[in-house]
C-alpha atoms as a PDB file:
ATOM      1  CA  UNK A   1      -6.378  28.444  -7.924  1.00  0.00           C
ATOM      2  CA  UNK A   2      -5.410  28.396  -4.279  1.00  0.00           C
ATOM      3  CA  UNK A   3      -7.947  28.433  -1.455  1.00  0.00           C
ATOM      4  CA  UNK A   4      -7.220  32.101  -0.656  1.00  0.00           C
ATOM      5  CA  UNK A   5      -7.866  33.056  -4.299  1.00  0.00           C
ATOM      6  CA  UNK A   6     -11.096  31.052  -4.274  1.00  0.00           C
ATOM      7  CA  UNK A   7     -12.318  32.834  -1.150  1.00  0.00           C
ATOM      8  CA  UNK A   8     -11.388  36.262  -2.562  1.00  0.00           C
ATOM      9  CA  UNK A   9     -13.206  35.472  -5.802  1.00  0.00           C
ATOM     10  CA  UNK A  10     -16.226  34.102  -3.948  1.00  0.00           C
ATOM     11  CA  UNK A  11     -16.559  37.445  -2.139  1.00  0.00           C
ATOM     12  CA  UNK A  12     -17.037  39.131  -5.532  1.00  0.00           C
ATOM     13  CA  UNK A  13     -20.133  37.184  -6.606  1.00  0.00           C
ATOM     14  CA  UNK A  14     -23.749  37.132  -5.490  1.00  0.00           C
ATOM     15  CA  UNK A  15     -24.439  33.773  -7.116  1.00  0.00           C
ATOM     16  CA  UNK A  16     -22.049  30.824  -7.000  1.00  0.00           C
ATOM     17  CA  UNK A  17     -22.080  29.171 -10.427  1.00  0.00           C
ATOM     18  CA  UNK A  18     -19.577  26.835 -12.039  1.00  0.00           C
ATOM     19  CA  UNK A  19     -18.939  26.523 -15.757  1.00  0.00           C
ATOM     20  CA  UNK A  20     -17.650  23.319 -17.345  1.00  0.00           C
ATOM     21  CA  UNK A  21     -14.696  23.401 -19.761  1.00  0.00           C
ATOM     22  CA  UNK A  22     -17.145  22.989 -22.676  1.00  0.00           C
ATOM     23  CA  UNK A  23     -18.975  26.202 -21.678  1.00  0.00           C
ATOM     24  CA  UNK A  24     -22.075  24.557 -20.182  1.00  0.00           C
ATOM     25  CA  UNK A  25     -22.984  25.357 -16.596  1.00  0.00           C
ATOM     26  CA  UNK A  26     -23.142  22.832 -13.784  1.00  0.00           C
ATOM     27  CA  UNK A  27     -26.870  22.702 -12.927  1.00  0.00           C
ATOM     28  CA  UNK A  28     -27.658  25.575 -10.538  1.00  0.00           C
ATOM     29  CA  UNK A  29     -28.987  23.179  -7.879  1.00  0.00           C
ATOM     30  CA  UNK A  30     -25.564  21.576  -7.237  1.00  0.00           C
ATOM     31  CA  UNK A  31     -24.208  20.740  -3.799  1.00  0.00           C
ATOM     32  CA  UNK A  32     -20.682  20.578  -2.418  1.00  0.00           C
ATOM     33  CA  UNK A  33     -20.873  17.091  -0.952  1.00  0.00           C
ATOM     34  CA  UNK A  34     -17.398  16.960   0.553  1.00  0.00           C
ATOM     35  CA  UNK A  35     -14.396  19.171   1.126  1.00  0.00           C
ATOM     36  CA  UNK A  36     -11.050  18.217   2.549  1.00  0.00           C
ATOM     37  CA  UNK A  37      -7.319  17.792   2.341  1.00  0.00           C
ATOM     38  CA  UNK A  38      -6.066  15.264  -0.184  1.00  0.00           C
ATOM     39  CA  UNK A  39      -2.580  13.877   0.417  1.00  0.00           C
ATOM     40  CA  UNK A  40      -0.979  11.673  -2.201  1.00  0.00           C
ATOM     41  CA  UNK A  41       2.207   9.760  -1.349  1.00  0.00           C
ATOM     42  CA  UNK A  42       3.782   7.998  -4.313  1.00  0.00           C
ATOM     43  CA  UNK A  43       6.974   6.981  -6.051  1.00  0.00           C
ATOM     44  CA  UNK A  44       7.630   8.136  -9.603  1.00  0.00           C
ATOM     45  CA  UNK A  45       9.254   6.092 -12.359  1.00  0.00           C
ATOM     46  CA  UNK A  46      12.649   7.552 -11.419  1.00  0.00           C
ATOM     47  CA  UNK A  47      12.357   6.042  -7.914  1.00  0.00           C
ATOM     48  CA  UNK A  48      11.785   9.437  -6.257  1.00  0.00           C
ATOM     49  CA  UNK A  49       9.322   9.358  -3.376  1.00  0.00           C
ATOM     50  CA  UNK A  50       6.940  12.297  -3.604  1.00  0.00           C
ATOM     51  CA  UNK A  51       4.056  13.846  -1.702  1.00  0.00           C
ATOM     52  CA  UNK A  52       1.389  16.156  -3.086  1.00  0.00           C
ATOM     53  CA  UNK A  53      -1.239  17.964  -1.069  1.00  0.00           C
ATOM     54  CA  UNK A  54      -4.250  19.838  -2.306  1.00  0.00           C
ATOM     55  CA  UNK A  55      -7.638  20.926  -1.116  1.00  0.00           C
ATOM     56  CA  UNK A  56     -10.463  19.095  -2.820  1.00  0.00           C
ATOM     57  CA  UNK A  57     -14.189  19.523  -3.027  1.00  0.00           C
ATOM     58  CA  UNK A  58     -16.809  17.465  -4.788  1.00  0.00           C
ATOM     59  CA  UNK A  59     -19.661  18.980  -6.795  1.00  0.00           C
ATOM     60  CA  UNK A  60     -22.832  16.897  -7.140  1.00  0.00           C
ATOM     61  CA  UNK A  61     -26.483  17.475  -7.934  1.00  0.00           C
ATOM     62  CA  UNK A  62     -29.691  15.551  -7.486  1.00  0.00           C
ATOM     63  CA  UNK A  63     -33.391  16.118  -8.085  1.00  0.00           C
ATOM     64  CA  UNK A  64     -33.812  18.923  -5.525  1.00  0.00           C
ATOM     65  CA  UNK A  65     -34.180  21.574  -8.220  1.00  0.00           C
ATOM     66  CA  UNK A  66     -34.817  24.433  -5.789  1.00  0.00           C
ATOM     67  CA  UNK A  67     -31.454  24.022  -4.009  1.00  0.00           C
ATOM     68  CA  UNK A  68     -29.032  26.941  -4.449  1.00  0.00           C
ATOM     69  CA  UNK A  69     -25.598  27.214  -2.896  1.00  0.00           C
ATOM     70  CA  UNK A  70     -25.059  30.843  -1.899  1.00  0.00           C
ATOM     71  CA  UNK A  71     -21.500  32.125  -1.419  1.00  0.00           C
ATOM     72  CA  UNK A  72     -22.208  32.522   2.323  1.00  0.00           C
ATOM     73  CA  UNK A  73     -22.978  28.784   2.553  1.00  0.00           C
ATOM     74  CA  UNK A  74     -19.717  27.946   0.717  1.00  0.00           C
ATOM     75  CA  UNK A  75     -17.821  29.984   3.319  1.00  0.00           C
ATOM     76  CA  UNK A  76     -19.535  27.916   6.038  1.00  0.00           C
ATOM     77  CA  UNK A  77     -18.410  24.716   4.306  1.00  0.00           C
ATOM     78  CA  UNK A  78     -14.840  26.044   4.155  1.00  0.00           C
ATOM     79  CA  UNK A  79     -14.977  26.994   7.847  1.00  0.00           C
ATOM     80  CA  UNK A  80     -16.314  23.548   8.757  1.00  0.00           C
ATOM     81  CA  UNK A  81     -13.375  21.927   6.948  1.00  0.00           C
ATOM     82  CA  UNK A  82     -10.711  23.903   8.847  1.00  0.00           C
ATOM     83  CA  UNK A  83     -10.162  20.985  11.238  1.00  0.00           C
ATOM     84  CA  UNK A  84      -8.873  19.020   8.229  1.00  0.00           C
ATOM     85  CA  UNK A  85      -7.311  21.762   6.144  1.00  0.00           C
ATOM     86  CA  UNK A  86      -5.910  23.951   8.903  1.00  0.00           C
ATOM     87  CA  UNK A  87      -4.325  27.155   7.648  1.00  0.00           C
ATOM     88  CA  UNK A  88      -3.068  25.533   4.434  1.00  0.00           C
ATOM     89  CA  UNK A  89      -3.396  27.655   1.312  1.00  0.00           C
ATOM     90  CA  UNK A  90      -3.135  24.923  -1.283  1.00  0.00           C
ATOM     91  CA  UNK A  91      -4.326  24.454  -4.834  1.00  0.00           C
ATOM     92  CA  UNK A  92      -7.970  23.425  -5.248  1.00  0.00           C
ATOM     93  CA  UNK A  93      -9.081  20.342  -7.100  1.00  0.00           C
ATOM     94  CA  UNK A  94     -12.749  19.977  -7.980  1.00  0.00           C
ATOM     95  CA  UNK A  95     -14.350  16.575  -8.544  1.00  0.00           C
ATOM     96  CA  UNK A  96     -17.350  16.534 -10.853  1.00  0.00           C
ATOM     97  CA  UNK A  97     -19.287  13.564 -12.231  1.00  0.00           C
ATOM     98  CA  UNK A  98     -20.062  13.659 -15.900  1.00  0.00           C
ATOM     99  CA  UNK A  99     -22.028  11.038 -17.804  1.00  0.00           C
ATOM    100  CA  UNK A 100     -19.284   8.424 -17.559  1.00  0.00           C
ATOM    101  CA  UNK A 101     -16.977   8.974 -14.581  1.00  0.00           C
ATOM    102  CA  UNK A 102     -15.713  11.397 -11.973  1.00  0.00           C
ATOM    103  CA  UNK A 103     -13.418  14.025 -13.443  1.00  0.00           C
ATOM    104  CA  UNK A 104     -10.820  16.029 -11.551  1.00  0.00           C
ATOM    105  CA  UNK A 105     -10.464  19.665 -12.508  1.00  0.00           C
ATOM    106  CA  UNK A 106      -8.625  22.813 -11.591  1.00  0.00           C
ATOM    107  CA  UNK A 107     -10.575  26.020 -11.025  1.00  0.00           C
ATOM    108  CA  UNK A 108     -10.283  29.511 -12.522  1.00  0.00           C
ATOM    109  CA  UNK A 109     -12.151  32.737 -11.904  1.00  0.00           C
ATOM    110  CA  UNK A 110     -12.532  35.276 -14.700  1.00  0.00           C
ATOM    111  CA  UNK A 111     -15.164  37.868 -15.547  1.00  0.00           C
ATOM    112  CA  UNK A 112     -17.255  36.898 -12.519  1.00  0.00           C
ATOM    113  CA  UNK A 113     -17.359  33.195 -13.443  1.00  0.00           C
ATOM    114  CA  UNK A 114     -15.815  30.104 -11.883  1.00  0.00           C
ATOM    115  CA  UNK A 115     -14.692  27.646 -14.555  1.00  0.00           C
ATOM    116  CA  UNK A 116     -13.486  24.080 -14.209  1.00  0.00           C
ATOM    117  CA  UNK A 117     -10.179  23.659 -16.019  1.00  0.00           C
ATOM    118  CA  UNK A 118      -8.722  20.433 -17.414  1.00  0.00           C
ATOM    119  CA  UNK A 119      -5.834  18.767 -15.609  1.00  0.00           C
ATOM    120  CA  UNK A 120      -3.086  16.829 -17.356  1.00  0.00           C
ATOM    121  CA  UNK A 121      -0.697  14.087 -16.365  1.00  0.00           C
ATOM    122  CA  UNK A 122       3.032  14.152 -16.969  1.00  0.00           C
ATOM    123  CA  UNK A 123       6.144  12.116 -16.269  1.00  0.00           C
ATOM    124  CA  UNK A 124       7.919  13.553 -13.225  1.00  0.00           C
ATOM    125  CA  UNK A 125      11.227  11.824 -14.016  1.00  0.00           C
ATOM    126  CA  UNK A 126      11.663  12.716 -17.677  1.00  0.00           C
ATOM    127  CA  UNK A 127      15.448  12.900 -17.284  1.00  0.00           C
ATOM    128  CA  UNK A 128      15.425   9.305 -16.045  1.00  0.00           C
ATOM    129  CA  UNK A 129      13.226   7.959 -18.833  1.00  0.00           C
ATOM    130  CA  UNK A 130      14.839   9.819 -21.728  1.00  0.00           C
ATOM    131  CA  UNK A 131      11.648  11.632 -22.675  1.00  0.00           C
ATOM    132  CA  UNK A 132      12.403  14.628 -24.925  1.00  0.00           C
ATOM    133  CA  UNK A 133      11.757  18.030 -23.276  1.00  0.00           C
ATOM    134  CA  UNK A 134       9.057  18.935 -25.761  1.00  0.00           C
ATOM    135  CA  UNK A 135       6.820  15.887 -25.677  1.00  0.00           C
ATOM    136  CA  UNK A 136       4.072  15.995 -28.270  1.00  0.00           C
ATOM    137  CA  UNK A 137       0.671  16.396 -26.590  1.00  0.00           C
ATOM    138  CA  UNK A 138      -1.989  13.979 -27.734  1.00  0.00           C
ATOM    139  CA  UNK A 139      -5.566  13.452 -26.719  1.00  0.00           C
ATOM    140  CA  UNK A 140      -6.611  10.112 -25.340  1.00  0.00           C
ATOM    141  CA  UNK A 141      -7.942   8.097 -28.226  1.00  0.00           C
ATOM    142  CA  UNK A 142      -5.447   9.625 -30.657  1.00  0.00           C
ATOM    143  CA  UNK A 143      -2.344   8.021 -29.138  1.00  0.00           C
ATOM    144  CA  UNK A 144      -0.431   5.682 -31.380  1.00  0.00           C
ATOM    145  CA  UNK A 145       2.524   3.593 -30.246  1.00  0.00           C
ATOM    146  CA  UNK A 146       5.852   4.591 -31.785  1.00  0.00           C
ATOM    147  CA  UNK A 147       7.775   2.136 -33.914  1.00  0.00           C
ATOM    148  CA  UNK A 148      10.533   2.225 -31.277  1.00  0.00           C
ATOM    149  CA  UNK A 149      10.209   3.166 -27.648  1.00  0.00           C
ATOM    150  CA  UNK A 150      12.653   4.526 -25.074  1.00  0.00           C
ATOM    151  CA  UNK A 151      11.139   2.157 -22.559  1.00  0.00           C
ATOM    152  CA  UNK A 152      11.765  -1.535 -22.972  1.00  0.00           C
ATOM    153  CA  UNK A 153      11.020  -4.215 -20.414  1.00  0.00           C
ATOM    154  CA  UNK A 154      14.711  -4.261 -19.375  1.00  0.00           C
ATOM    155  CA  UNK A 155      15.353  -0.481 -19.426  1.00  0.00           C
ATOM    156  CA  UNK A 156      14.298   0.183 -15.804  1.00  0.00           C
ATOM    157  CA  UNK A 157      12.294   3.183 -17.002  1.00  0.00           C
ATOM    158  CA  UNK A 158       8.880   2.205 -15.683  1.00  0.00           C
END
């Protein structure tokens, strides 16, 4: 979801609530503790230098159970971040702490609800590494090393 889509969706709700991918709701007393422009400069395994930009905000909650973040307050947070974001209409990334670590999520809006969506990694230089176009998706914890691998220490793949 881009920032413009987020703002349009936010105008449609009276209460700003966020649902986790498992269906549970982020506690209603959450805060947006930071919002900004995230720029990532990196080189992929095919030696291509890349840059990604996205708008990020962090969702956090504490013991202030009476706190509620109204849509009007979210618009004020967005306005306050304009010095960093400018007029950019980039994809949003939401950071949310679960029991173990900070997760990074996409965001969707459907049927009046904002939902955090899972993000996935991928190889950006699949043609360089010889990865088949239809790589089998596996969940972390289920991965098993193949008997043979396209990447060997001398292949220059990674």
